[in-house]
Amino acid sequence: MLPSSLFRLDLRRLILLLAVVSAAAALLNTFYASYYVQREVLIGNTLEANRVYASKLAASIESFFKTAQQQLAYSATNLTGSFHDEARLQSEVDRLLLQTDSFNSVFVASSEGVIRASAPNMDASQLANVLAGTGEMLHEQRPMISKPYIVDSAHTLVFVSQPILAEDQGYLGYIAAVIRLEHQNILSFLIGEHYYRDGSYLYVVDQDGRLIHHIDPTWLGQVISDNPAIDAVMRGKAGSTRLVNSRGIDMLAGYAPVSLPGWGVIAQRPTVATLAELDGLMMAILRHALPWAMAGLLCIYLLARLISQPLWQLARGARHIDSDDAVKQIREVQSWYFEAAQLKRAMLAGIGSLHQRIGTLNRDVLTDPLTGLYNRRGLSVTLDTWQVRQQVFSIVALDIDHFKNINDLYGHDIGDQVIKHVAQLMRESSRSGDVLCRHGGEEFLMLLPGVCLDDARLVAERLRLRMQMAEMPSIDTTVTISLGVAQWRPLSDDSVEQALKMADQALYSAKQQGRNQVVVARRRSSGTEEQQCD
């Protein structure tokens, strides 16, 4: 079993405990505040980075389509006078295909939808895919970017077309370029990969909210609902938001619209990936803060030892206050701060007063020999002690009614028996901590510590009734007592002597009012009232 001294609370341990708790609370608060701030900064930075990335990518896609339309417009102008020259048409589509990596294929179609030239040459399946998008272009007869077409659930085709007009502005047909988002070209290079490699990715939706580009081809053509980023970008808004995607993953998304084709670009990163580096940051903070915290605790321990040392020495002196060298031990205490110096001074004064009191008690008899109650000296010692302790107490002063007549009629021996009987009733009506005194010949005092006036009155009344009903041997008449009740409180303006005098005056009033009764002395002074009972 561990010794009880390990669990003893003293000032040094309390200061150290308070310091440790305060330091731990401050460290945890700093750690939490740092974590929260860094977390919000990382999330905010990621949201802003994705927004900027999506906006730049949207601007690049917009620029790409504008450039593609310009290239096709230039070719359409060149073919105005040579639309029926097959060689010239083939030469132009070959040039467009080889000039840049913008297109996967280029073709020229007549106003009837017949493919006049293509580069590269298309097989039957490719022609079928191309012809699927020609109806829209033949119908519109204007520069346009088609809606994306999902082919074989794994490929997305986009047509960019420019009408070819005769010199008289008659519609001859159109020149078109095919862009496959999953094949090699400038557009697929732009949207092919996100910058990060930690689960981040981007996707593109068309004006209907369909996925036209995604890292997982099986998602192509699907319409995603309840996605705030897609909803916002379809309304032409750019920005960032935190969301949970269709797979239930918490993501930080940035989005931006591409106005020319009516698309939207969404770049997003998993929140867990963003916050992964936060653990490292927190450990770095902890590594830097912990040594200083330990050094601070060591300093606090040394200061706690220094502060508590004088009080510990004074406590040791108080524990052995009855030893012969107690005064010497206390005098040797180095009380280097105000509170310790005051305690040291008070202890030395108290020891001197205690020794003086002990000497006085040893020399004088404190009790009345007839009743065994305190005499006037015992009363004085008690009152001095209670004043030092600032003890609230009530006073019951009592006197035997017509005691002189008892002595005259029955003799002093009978009178002494009456006095003894009163003293015995006082003992039976009091507590162990109450002080009972014989104040004079037939006068008595009861000092009731911590008792309010109303309770003191009840004690006095109970004693009066018991005396009235008591049967006194050798006396054929009822013996009664009169009582006065008062109270002393440390904060009042009245001294103890004044409180005793008030009790005596209340006793005198009881006698004046017919004897055998209790009178309570109540007074108000300097805003301080007697203690009232709850």
Protein backbone atom coordinates (compact mmCIF):
# COMPACT_ATOMS: atom_id res chain seq x y z
CA MET A 1 0.00 0.00 0.00
CA LEU A 2 1.31 3.47 -0.88
CA PRO A 3 2.13 5.73 2.10
CA SER A 4 -0.51 8.36 2.85
CA SER A 5 2.15 11.08 2.66
CA LEU A 6 2.16 10.70 -1.12
CA PHE A 7 -1.44 11.90 -1.21
CA ARG A 8 -1.10 14.66 1.39
CA LEU A 9 -2.00 18.07 0.05
CA ASP A 10 0.28 20.88 1.08
CA LEU A 11 0.95 24.31 -0.39
CA ARG A 12 3.86 23.12 -2.53
CA ARG A 13 1.80 20.35 -4.10
CA LEU A 14 -1.18 22.66 -4.56
CA ILE A 15 0.92 25.31 -6.31
CA LEU A 16 2.54 22.67 -8.48
CA LEU A 17 -0.84 21.07 -9.25
CA LEU A 18 -2.34 24.45 -10.14
CA ALA A 19 0.64 25.27 -12.33
CA VAL A 20 0.54 21.89 -14.09
CA VAL A 21 -3.20 22.14 -14.69
CA SER A 22 -2.86 25.73 -15.92
CA ALA A 23 0.08 24.87 -18.17
CA ALA A 24 -1.69 21.79 -19.52
CA ALA A 25 -4.85 23.80 -20.16
CA ALA A 26 -2.87 26.53 -21.90
CA LEU A 27 -0.96 23.97 -23.95
CA LEU A 28 -4.14 22.15 -24.95
CA ASN A 29 -5.85 25.42 -25.78
CA THR A 30 -2.88 26.50 -27.90
CA PHE A 31 -2.73 23.11 -29.54
CA TYR A 32 -6.45 23.13 -30.29
CA ALA A 33 -6.38 26.74 -31.52
CA SER A 34 -3.39 25.95 -33.74
CA TYR A 35 -5.12 22.85 -35.06
CA TYR A 36 -8.35 24.71 -35.76
CA VAL A 37 -6.61 27.66 -37.43
CA GLN A 38 -4.32 25.45 -39.52
CA ARG A 39 -7.27 23.26 -40.48
CA GLU A 40 -9.31 26.24 -41.65
CA VAL A 41 -6.30 27.67 -43.50
CA LEU A 42 -5.64 24.37 -45.28
CA ILE A 43 -9.29 23.97 -46.25
CA GLY A 44 -9.53 27.58 -47.36
CA ASN A 45 -6.31 27.36 -49.37
CA THR A 46 -7.43 24.15 -51.05
CA LEU A 47 -10.83 25.60 -51.93
CA GLU A 48 -9.18 28.69 -53.38
CA ALA A 49 -6.57 26.64 -55.24
CA ASN A 50 -9.28 24.46 -56.80
CA ARG A 51 -11.33 27.53 -57.71
CA VAL A 52 -8.33 29.16 -59.40
CA TYR A 53 -7.41 25.89 -61.10
CA ALA A 54 -10.95 25.41 -62.41
CA SER A 55 -11.14 29.04 -63.55
CA LYS A 56 -7.82 28.86 -65.40
CA LEU A 57 -8.76 25.56 -66.97
CA ALA A 58 -12.15 26.97 -68.03
CA ALA A 59 -10.39 29.98 -69.54
CA SER A 60 -7.98 27.67 -71.40
CA ILE A 61 -10.86 25.57 -72.77
CA GLU A 62 -12.66 28.75 -73.82
CA SER A 63 -9.50 29.95 -75.58
CA PHE A 64 -9.08 26.56 -77.26
CA PHE A 65 -12.58 26.63 -78.77
CA LYS A 66 -12.15 30.21 -79.93
CA THR A 67 -8.91 29.25 -81.66
CA ALA A 68 -10.52 26.17 -83.19
CA GLN A 69 -13.37 28.26 -84.57
CA GLN A 70 -10.90 30.77 -86.01
CA GLN A 71 -8.96 27.99 -87.75
CA LEU A 72 -12.12 26.52 -89.24
CA ALA A 73 -13.39 29.96 -90.27
CA TYR A 74 -10.16 30.61 -92.14
CA SER A 75 -10.40 27.24 -93.93
CA ALA A 76 -14.08 27.86 -94.78
CA THR A 77 -13.14 31.16 -96.41
CA ASN A 78 -10.35 29.47 -98.41
CA LEU A 79 -12.78 26.83 -99.70
CA THR A 80 -15.46 29.26 -100.92
CA GLY A 81 -14.28 29.22 -104.53
CA SER A 82 -13.01 25.63 -104.67
CA PHE A 83 -15.73 23.64 -102.90
CA HIS A 84 -16.10 21.31 -105.87
CA ASP A 85 -12.35 20.66 -106.13
CA GLU A 86 -11.88 17.33 -104.34
CA ALA A 87 -8.10 17.69 -104.25
CA ARG A 88 -8.33 21.16 -102.77
CA LEU A 89 -10.77 19.99 -100.09
CA GLN A 90 -8.52 17.06 -99.11
CA SER A 91 -5.49 19.30 -99.01
CA GLU A 92 -7.23 21.72 -96.66
CA VAL A 93 -8.44 19.06 -94.21
CA ASP A 94 -4.96 17.47 -94.22
CA ARG A 95 -3.43 20.86 -93.40
CA LEU A 96 -5.84 21.48 -90.50
CA LEU A 97 -5.18 18.05 -89.02
CA LEU A 98 -1.40 18.32 -89.28
CA GLN A 99 -1.09 21.99 -88.38
CA THR A 100 -1.83 21.52 -84.65
CA ASP A 101 -2.85 18.87 -82.17
CA SER A 102 -6.24 20.53 -81.78
CA PHE A 103 -8.32 17.98 -83.69
CA ASN A 104 -8.57 14.22 -83.95
CA SER A 105 -10.17 14.37 -87.37
CA VAL A 106 -11.38 16.99 -89.88
CA PHE A 107 -13.94 16.60 -92.64
CA VAL A 108 -15.93 18.58 -95.21
CA ALA A 109 -19.58 17.79 -95.85
CA SER A 110 -21.93 19.05 -98.53
CA SER A 111 -25.29 20.68 -97.93
CA GLU A 112 -26.82 17.24 -98.37
CA GLY A 113 -24.66 15.78 -95.58
CA VAL A 114 -22.30 13.87 -97.90
CA ILE A 115 -18.69 13.63 -96.68
CA ARG A 116 -16.58 15.20 -99.45
CA ALA A 117 -13.14 14.93 -97.78
CA SER A 118 -11.80 13.71 -94.43
CA ALA A 119 -8.50 13.41 -92.64
CA PRO A 120 -7.67 10.84 -91.69
CA ASN A 121 -9.76 8.63 -93.92
CA MET A 122 -12.71 7.23 -91.93
CA ASP A 123 -14.02 3.69 -91.92
CA ALA A 124 -17.69 2.82 -91.82
CA SER A 125 -18.03 3.00 -88.01
CA GLN A 126 -16.28 6.34 -87.83
CA LEU A 127 -18.48 7.68 -90.64
CA ALA A 128 -21.54 6.54 -88.71
CA ASN A 129 -20.39 8.43 -85.61
CA VAL A 130 -19.67 11.54 -87.65
CA LEU A 131 -22.96 11.44 -89.50
CA ALA A 132 -24.76 11.21 -86.15
CA GLY A 133 -23.73 14.79 -85.44
CA THR A 134 -24.23 16.28 -88.90
CA GLY A 135 -27.95 16.79 -88.67
CA GLU A 136 -27.57 19.57 -86.10
CA MET A 137 -24.91 21.33 -88.14
CA LEU A 138 -26.85 21.06 -91.42
CA HIS A 139 -29.92 22.40 -89.72
CA GLU A 140 -28.25 25.36 -88.01
CA GLN A 141 -26.02 26.42 -90.97
CA ARG A 142 -23.94 28.61 -88.66
CA PRO A 143 -20.68 28.41 -86.68
CA MET A 144 -21.34 26.12 -83.77
CA ILE A 145 -19.98 23.78 -81.17
CA SER A 146 -22.13 20.71 -80.89
CA LYS A 147 -23.39 19.04 -77.80
CA PRO A 148 -21.03 16.29 -76.66
CA TYR A 149 -21.88 12.80 -77.96
CA ILE A 150 -21.16 9.76 -75.81
CA VAL A 151 -20.04 6.89 -78.07
CA ASP A 152 -19.91 3.28 -76.83
CA SER A 153 -20.41 4.58 -73.26
CA ALA A 154 -16.69 5.30 -73.11
CA HIS A 155 -15.87 8.07 -75.58
CA THR A 156 -17.01 11.67 -75.89
CA LEU A 157 -17.09 13.41 -79.26
CA VAL A 158 -17.44 17.14 -79.80
CA PHE A 159 -17.94 18.72 -83.24
CA VAL A 160 -16.75 22.23 -84.06
CA SER A 161 -18.14 23.38 -87.42
CA GLN A 162 -18.03 26.38 -89.72
CA PRO A 163 -20.40 26.84 -92.70
CA ILE A 164 -18.92 27.16 -96.20
CA LEU A 165 -20.71 29.81 -98.20
CA ALA A 166 -20.59 30.55 -101.93
CA GLU A 167 -19.66 33.98 -103.19
CA ASP A 168 -23.37 34.78 -103.38
CA GLN A 169 -23.68 33.62 -99.72
CA GLY A 170 -25.45 30.45 -100.72
CA TYR A 171 -24.93 27.49 -98.35
CA LEU A 172 -22.56 24.94 -99.84
CA GLY A 173 -21.89 22.80 -96.77
CA TYR A 174 -19.57 22.97 -93.82
CA ILE A 175 -16.12 22.11 -92.56
CA ALA A 176 -15.99 20.41 -89.17
CA ALA A 177 -13.43 19.12 -86.72
CA VAL A 178 -13.96 16.17 -84.38
CA ILE A 179 -12.47 16.33 -80.90
CA ARG A 180 -12.32 13.12 -78.85
CA LEU A 181 -11.91 13.98 -75.17
CA GLU A 182 -10.26 10.60 -74.48
CA HIS A 183 -7.77 10.74 -77.41
CA GLN A 184 -4.61 12.74 -77.78
CA ASN A 185 -5.26 16.41 -78.52
CA ILE A 186 -4.79 19.78 -76.87
CA LEU A 187 -8.18 19.69 -75.13
CA SER A 188 -7.66 16.21 -73.68
CA PHE A 189 -4.22 17.32 -72.49
CA LEU A 190 -5.79 20.30 -70.70
CA ILE A 191 -8.44 18.30 -68.86
CA GLY A 192 -6.63 14.98 -68.65
CA GLU A 193 -5.13 15.21 -65.16
CA HIS A 194 -5.46 17.18 -62.01
CA TYR A 195 -2.30 18.66 -60.59
CA TYR A 196 -2.36 16.47 -57.46
CA ARG A 197 -1.83 12.72 -57.18
CA ASP A 198 -3.69 12.12 -53.93
CA GLY A 199 -7.21 11.24 -55.02
CA SER A 200 -7.87 14.68 -56.51
CA TYR A 201 -9.48 14.80 -59.94
CA LEU A 202 -11.50 17.03 -62.19
CA TYR A 203 -14.50 16.39 -64.36
CA VAL A 204 -16.46 18.27 -66.99
CA VAL A 205 -20.22 18.54 -67.44
CA ASP A 206 -22.17 19.86 -70.40
CA GLN A 207 -25.04 22.34 -70.40
CA ASP A 208 -27.44 19.58 -69.36
CA GLY A 209 -25.35 18.54 -66.35
CA ARG A 210 -24.14 15.31 -68.00
CA LEU A 211 -20.66 14.08 -67.25
CA ILE A 212 -18.65 14.34 -70.50
CA HIS A 213 -15.23 13.82 -68.94
CA HIS A 214 -14.36 11.81 -65.84
CA ILE A 215 -11.43 9.73 -64.62
CA ASP A 216 -13.81 6.78 -64.48
CA PRO A 217 -15.25 6.27 -68.03
CA THR A 218 -18.25 4.38 -66.62
CA TRP A 219 -19.60 7.69 -65.29
CA LEU A 220 -19.76 9.28 -68.76
CA GLY A 221 -23.22 10.41 -69.78
CA GLN A 222 -24.63 10.28 -66.24
CA VAL A 223 -26.46 13.23 -64.76
CA ILE A 224 -25.43 13.90 -61.14
CA SER A 225 -28.11 15.39 -58.90
CA ASP A 226 -27.82 17.14 -55.53
CA ASN A 227 -24.31 18.36 -56.28
CA PRO A 228 -23.98 22.04 -55.32
CA ALA A 229 -20.90 22.55 -57.52
CA ILE A 230 -22.64 21.22 -60.65
CA ASP A 231 -25.82 23.16 -59.84
CA ALA A 232 -23.84 26.38 -59.46
CA VAL A 233 -21.70 25.96 -62.58
CA MET A 234 -24.77 25.20 -64.71
CA ARG A 235 -26.11 28.60 -63.62
CA GLY A 236 -22.91 30.20 -64.89
CA LYS A 237 -21.42 30.70 -61.42
CA ALA A 238 -17.77 30.28 -60.47
CA GLY A 239 -16.60 29.62 -56.93
CA SER A 240 -15.76 26.88 -54.41
CA THR A 241 -17.60 24.75 -51.90
CA ARG A 242 -17.22 21.80 -49.60
CA LEU A 243 -19.42 18.88 -50.55
CA VAL A 244 -19.96 15.14 -50.26
CA ASN A 245 -19.79 13.53 -53.69
CA SER A 246 -21.95 10.71 -55.01
CA ARG A 247 -19.52 8.18 -53.51
CA GLY A 248 -19.95 9.66 -50.04
CA ILE A 249 -16.47 11.24 -49.99
CA ASP A 250 -15.98 14.63 -48.38
CA MET A 251 -14.48 16.85 -51.11
CA LEU A 252 -13.23 20.41 -51.50
CA ALA A 253 -14.37 21.58 -54.91
CA GLY A 254 -13.67 24.59 -57.13
CA TYR A 255 -15.80 25.18 -60.20
CA ALA A 256 -16.01 27.54 -63.19
CA PRO A 257 -18.19 27.70 -66.33
CA VAL A 258 -16.95 27.59 -69.92
CA SER A 259 -19.37 29.94 -71.66
CA LEU A 260 -18.65 29.18 -75.33
CA PRO A 261 -19.55 25.46 -75.33
CA GLY A 262 -21.77 25.80 -72.22
CA TRP A 263 -19.67 23.42 -70.13
CA GLY A 264 -18.64 23.46 -66.51
CA VAL A 265 -15.29 22.42 -65.01
CA ILE A 266 -15.13 21.07 -61.44
CA ALA A 267 -11.78 20.42 -59.76
CA GLN A 268 -11.91 18.73 -56.37
CA ARG A 269 -9.67 17.24 -53.74
CA PRO A 270 -10.56 14.90 -50.84
CA THR A 271 -10.74 16.76 -47.55
CA VAL A 272 -8.82 13.96 -45.84
CA ALA A 273 -5.96 14.44 -48.31
CA THR A 274 -5.93 18.17 -47.59
CA LEU A 275 -5.83 17.58 -43.84
CA ALA A 276 -3.27 14.77 -44.01
CA GLU A 277 -0.40 17.21 -43.66
CA LEU A 278 -2.06 18.74 -40.60
CA ASP A 279 -0.90 15.83 -38.42
CA GLY A 280 2.69 16.63 -39.32
CA LEU A 281 2.17 20.30 -38.53
CA MET A 282 0.65 19.48 -35.14
CA MET A 283 3.50 17.14 -34.26
CA ALA A 284 5.97 19.86 -35.23
CA ILE A 285 4.16 22.33 -32.96
CA LEU A 286 4.16 19.78 -30.13
CA ARG A 287 7.86 19.05 -30.57
CA HIS A 288 8.68 22.73 -30.34
CA ALA A 289 6.28 23.52 -27.47
CA LEU A 290 6.99 20.52 -25.22
CA PRO A 291 10.59 21.39 -24.22
CA TRP A 292 9.55 24.91 -23.27
CA ALA A 293 6.58 23.55 -21.34
CA MET A 294 8.82 21.18 -19.40
CA ALA A 295 11.27 23.99 -18.68
CA GLY A 296 8.38 26.14 -17.48
CA LEU A 297 7.13 23.39 -15.19
CA LEU A 298 10.62 22.99 -13.71
CA CYS A 299 10.76 26.73 -13.00
CA ILE A 300 7.29 26.58 -11.46
CA TYR A 301 8.33 23.65 -9.27
CA LEU A 302 11.37 25.56 -7.98
CA LEU A 303 9.29 28.68 -7.33
CA ALA A 304 6.61 26.61 -5.58
CA ARG A 305 9.28 25.11 -3.35
CA LEU A 306 10.70 28.55 -2.60
CA ILE A 307 7.28 30.05 -1.80
CA SER A 308 6.03 27.16 0.30
CA GLN A 309 9.25 26.64 2.29
CA PRO A 310 8.58 29.32 4.97
CA LEU A 311 4.95 28.19 5.38
CA TRP A 312 6.01 24.55 5.62
CA GLN A 313 8.53 25.46 8.34
CA LEU A 314 5.89 27.47 10.19
CA ALA A 315 3.46 24.54 9.95
CA ARG A 316 6.12 22.21 11.36
CA GLY A 317 6.65 24.65 14.22
CA ALA A 318 2.89 24.80 14.87
CA ARG A 319 2.72 20.99 14.91
CA HIS A 320 5.31 20.93 17.74
CA ILE A 321 4.13 24.08 19.47
CA ASP A 322 4.24 22.42 22.88
CA SER A 323 7.93 21.54 22.59
CA ASP A 324 10.59 23.56 24.36
CA ASP A 325 12.34 24.71 21.17
CA ALA A 326 9.18 25.65 19.23
CA VAL A 327 9.87 29.38 19.59
CA LYS A 328 13.46 28.90 18.43
CA GLN A 329 12.35 26.93 15.35
CA ILE A 330 9.80 29.57 14.40
CA ARG A 331 12.28 32.42 14.90
CA GLU A 332 14.72 30.72 12.50
CA VAL A 333 12.16 30.60 9.67
CA GLN A 334 13.22 32.83 6.74
CA SER A 335 9.91 34.61 6.10
CA TRP A 336 10.98 36.56 3.03
CA TYR A 337 7.53 37.70 1.90
CA PHE A 338 4.75 39.61 3.64
CA GLU A 339 2.21 36.85 4.37
CA ALA A 340 4.82 34.50 5.84
CA ALA A 341 6.25 37.32 7.97
CA GLN A 342 2.78 38.14 9.32
CA LEU A 343 2.10 34.49 10.14
CA LYS A 344 5.45 34.18 11.86
CA ARG A 345 4.74 37.28 13.95
CA ALA A 346 1.23 36.07 14.84
CA MET A 347 2.50 32.61 15.82
CA LEU A 348 5.16 34.02 18.10
CA ALA A 349 2.60 36.34 19.69
CA GLY A 350 0.11 33.48 20.03
CA ILE A 351 2.66 31.18 21.66
CA GLY A 352 3.53 33.90 24.15
CA SER A 353 -0.14 34.53 24.89
CA LEU A 354 -0.81 30.80 25.19
CA HIS A 355 2.01 30.30 27.64
CA GLN A 356 0.73 33.25 29.64
CA ARG A 357 -2.80 31.82 29.68
CA ILE A 358 -1.55 28.42 30.72
CA GLY A 359 0.38 29.98 33.57
CA THR A 360 -2.68 31.93 34.63
CA LEU A 361 -4.91 28.86 34.53
CA ASN A 362 -2.39 26.90 36.57
CA ARG A 363 -2.28 29.59 39.23
CA ASP A 364 -5.97 30.37 39.61
CA VAL A 365 -9.01 28.25 40.09
CA LEU A 366 -11.48 28.92 37.29
CA THR A 367 -14.56 27.25 38.73
CA ASP A 368 -17.01 28.09 41.46
CA PRO A 369 -16.55 25.60 44.34
CA LEU A 370 -20.28 25.39 45.17
CA THR A 371 -21.72 24.73 41.70
CA GLY A 372 -18.74 23.59 39.64
CA LEU A 373 -19.59 26.26 37.06
CA TYR A 374 -17.09 28.77 35.77
CA ASN A 375 -16.42 31.69 38.07
CA ARG A 376 -15.70 35.25 36.94
CA ARG A 377 -12.09 34.41 36.00
CA GLY A 378 -13.14 31.45 33.90
CA LEU A 379 -15.73 33.68 32.27
CA SER A 380 -13.07 36.28 31.47
CA VAL A 381 -10.71 33.72 29.91
CA THR A 382 -13.55 32.33 27.78
CA LEU A 383 -14.61 35.77 26.59
CA ASP A 384 -11.04 36.73 25.68
CA THR A 385 -10.60 33.50 23.68
CA TRP A 386 -13.86 33.95 21.82
CA GLN A 387 -13.03 37.55 20.97
CA VAL A 388 -9.74 36.44 19.40
CA ARG A 389 -11.62 33.75 17.45
CA GLN A 390 -14.34 36.26 16.48
CA GLN A 391 -16.92 33.81 17.84
CA VAL A 392 -20.58 34.83 17.65
CA PHE A 393 -22.43 33.90 20.85
CA SER A 394 -25.68 34.58 22.69
CA ILE A 395 -25.88 35.42 26.41
CA VAL A 396 -28.54 34.24 28.85
CA ALA A 397 -28.35 36.10 32.17
CA LEU A 398 -30.56 34.64 34.93
CA ASP A 399 -31.34 35.39 38.54
CA ILE A 400 -33.30 33.48 41.22
CA ASP A 401 -36.46 35.37 42.09
CA HIS A 402 -36.80 36.46 45.74
CA PHE A 403 -33.66 34.56 46.73
CA LYS A 404 -33.16 36.76 49.81
CA ASN A 405 -36.52 35.61 51.15
CA ILE A 406 -35.48 31.98 50.71
CA ASN A 407 -32.33 32.58 52.73
CA ASP A 408 -34.28 34.49 55.39
CA LEU A 409 -37.06 31.89 55.71
CA TYR A 410 -35.15 28.62 55.26
CA GLY A 411 -31.54 29.45 55.95
CA HIS A 412 -28.40 29.66 53.86
CA ASP A 413 -28.01 25.90 53.60
CA ILE A 414 -31.33 25.62 51.81
CA GLY A 415 -30.34 28.63 49.72
CA ASP A 416 -27.16 26.80 48.67
CA GLN A 417 -29.22 23.75 47.65
CA VAL A 418 -31.41 25.99 45.47
CA ILE A 419 -28.29 27.43 43.83
CA LYS A 420 -26.95 23.92 43.15
CA HIS A 421 -30.30 22.85 41.70
CA VAL A 422 -30.32 25.84 39.35
CA ALA A 423 -26.78 24.94 38.22
CA GLN A 424 -27.85 21.33 37.56
CA LEU A 425 -30.84 22.48 35.48
CA MET A 426 -28.50 24.75 33.50
CA ARG A 427 -26.29 21.77 32.66
CA GLU A 428 -29.25 19.68 31.59
CA SER A 429 -30.54 22.49 29.35
CA SER A 430 -27.23 23.21 27.58
CA ARG A 431 -24.82 21.63 25.09
CA SER A 432 -21.31 20.40 25.74
CA GLY A 433 -19.81 23.46 24.05
CA ASP A 434 -21.85 26.00 26.03
CA VAL A 435 -20.16 27.88 28.88
CA LEU A 436 -22.03 28.09 32.20
CA CYS A 437 -20.97 30.60 34.88
CA ARG A 438 -21.97 31.63 38.37
CA HIS A 439 -21.67 35.37 38.06
CA GLY A 440 -22.60 36.34 41.58
CA GLY A 441 -24.49 35.05 44.59
CA GLU A 442 -27.74 34.05 42.86
CA GLU A 443 -26.81 35.36 39.38
CA PHE A 444 -25.78 33.07 36.53
CA LEU A 445 -24.70 33.35 32.88
CA MET A 446 -25.04 30.94 29.96
CA LEU A 447 -22.83 31.65 26.92
CA LEU A 448 -24.15 29.87 23.81
CA PRO A 449 -21.65 29.95 20.89
CA GLY A 450 -23.13 30.14 17.38
CA VAL A 451 -26.72 30.41 18.65
CA CYS A 452 -29.08 33.09 17.33
CA LEU A 453 -31.30 35.20 19.56
CA ASP A 454 -34.49 33.28 18.88
CA ASP A 455 -32.89 29.95 19.71
CA ALA A 456 -31.29 31.45 22.80
CA ARG A 457 -34.73 32.67 23.90
CA LEU A 458 -36.08 29.12 23.49
CA VAL A 459 -33.23 27.76 25.65
CA ALA A 460 -33.99 30.39 28.29
CA GLU A 461 -37.72 29.66 28.19
CA ARG A 462 -37.14 25.93 28.50
CA LEU A 463 -34.89 26.50 31.54
CA ARG A 464 -37.50 28.85 33.09
CA LEU A 465 -40.28 26.26 32.72
CA ARG A 466 -38.16 23.47 34.18
CA MET A 467 -37.32 25.65 37.16
CA GLN A 468 -40.96 26.60 37.66
CA MET A 469 -42.05 22.96 37.64
CA ALA A 470 -39.18 21.69 39.80
CA GLU A 471 -39.96 20.44 43.30
CA MET A 472 -37.47 21.79 45.81
CA PRO A 473 -36.93 19.73 48.97
CA SER A 474 -37.53 21.54 52.27
CA ILE A 475 -39.32 24.40 50.46
CA ASP A 476 -43.08 24.60 50.30
CA THR A 477 -43.20 27.29 47.63
CA THR A 478 -42.32 27.44 43.93
CA VAL A 479 -38.90 28.85 43.10
CA THR A 480 -38.74 30.77 39.81
CA ILE A 481 -36.08 32.53 37.79
CA SER A 482 -36.00 35.61 35.56
CA LEU A 483 -33.87 35.67 32.43
CA GLY A 484 -32.47 38.22 29.98
CA VAL A 485 -31.13 37.31 26.52
CA ALA A 486 -28.64 39.25 24.33
CA GLN A 487 -26.12 38.53 21.60
CA TRP A 488 -22.57 39.60 20.62
CA ARG A 489 -21.31 39.65 17.03
CA PRO A 490 -17.74 40.52 15.99
CA LEU A 491 -18.84 43.08 13.35
CA SER A 492 -21.10 45.03 15.68
CA ASP A 493 -20.07 48.30 17.32
CA ASP A 494 -20.83 46.91 20.77
CA SER A 495 -18.10 45.41 22.91
CA VAL A 496 -18.47 42.13 24.81
CA GLU A 497 -18.92 44.15 28.01
CA GLN A 498 -21.77 46.08 26.40
CA ALA A 499 -23.40 42.82 25.27
CA LEU A 500 -23.18 41.49 28.85
CA LYS A 501 -24.68 44.72 30.08
CA MET A 502 -27.55 44.41 27.57
CA ALA A 503 -28.28 40.90 28.85
CA ASP A 504 -28.23 42.23 32.44
CA GLN A 505 -30.60 45.05 31.50
CA ALA A 506 -32.96 42.55 29.86
CA LEU A 507 -32.84 40.53 33.10
CA TYR A 508 -33.66 43.67 35.06
CA SER A 509 -36.61 44.32 32.71
CA ALA A 510 -37.87 40.77 33.33
CA LYS A 511 -37.85 41.43 37.07
CA GLN A 512 -39.53 44.80 36.60
CA GLN A 513 -42.27 43.16 34.51
CA GLY A 514 -43.21 40.69 37.24
CA ARG A 515 -40.42 38.11 37.31
CA ASN A 516 -40.54 34.46 36.08
CA GLN A 517 -40.20 35.46 32.44
CA VAL A 518 -37.71 35.88 29.60
CA VAL A 519 -36.87 39.25 28.00
CA VAL A 520 -34.78 39.51 24.83
CA ALA A 521 -32.52 42.53 24.24
CA ARG A 522 -32.57 43.44 20.55
CA ARG A 523 -30.64 46.33 19.09
CA ARG A 524 -29.45 47.69 15.73
CA SER A 525 -26.18 49.53 15.35
CA SER A 526 -24.15 50.65 12.28
CA GLY A 527 -26.35 48.60 9.99
CA THR A 528 -25.45 45.32 11.79
CA GLU A 529 -28.29 43.17 13.14
CA GLU A 530 -28.28 40.22 15.50
CA GLN A 531 -27.91 36.85 13.84
CA GLN A 532 -31.36 35.64 12.82
CA CYS A 533 -32.37 32.01 12.75
CA ASP A 534 -32.92 30.32 9.38
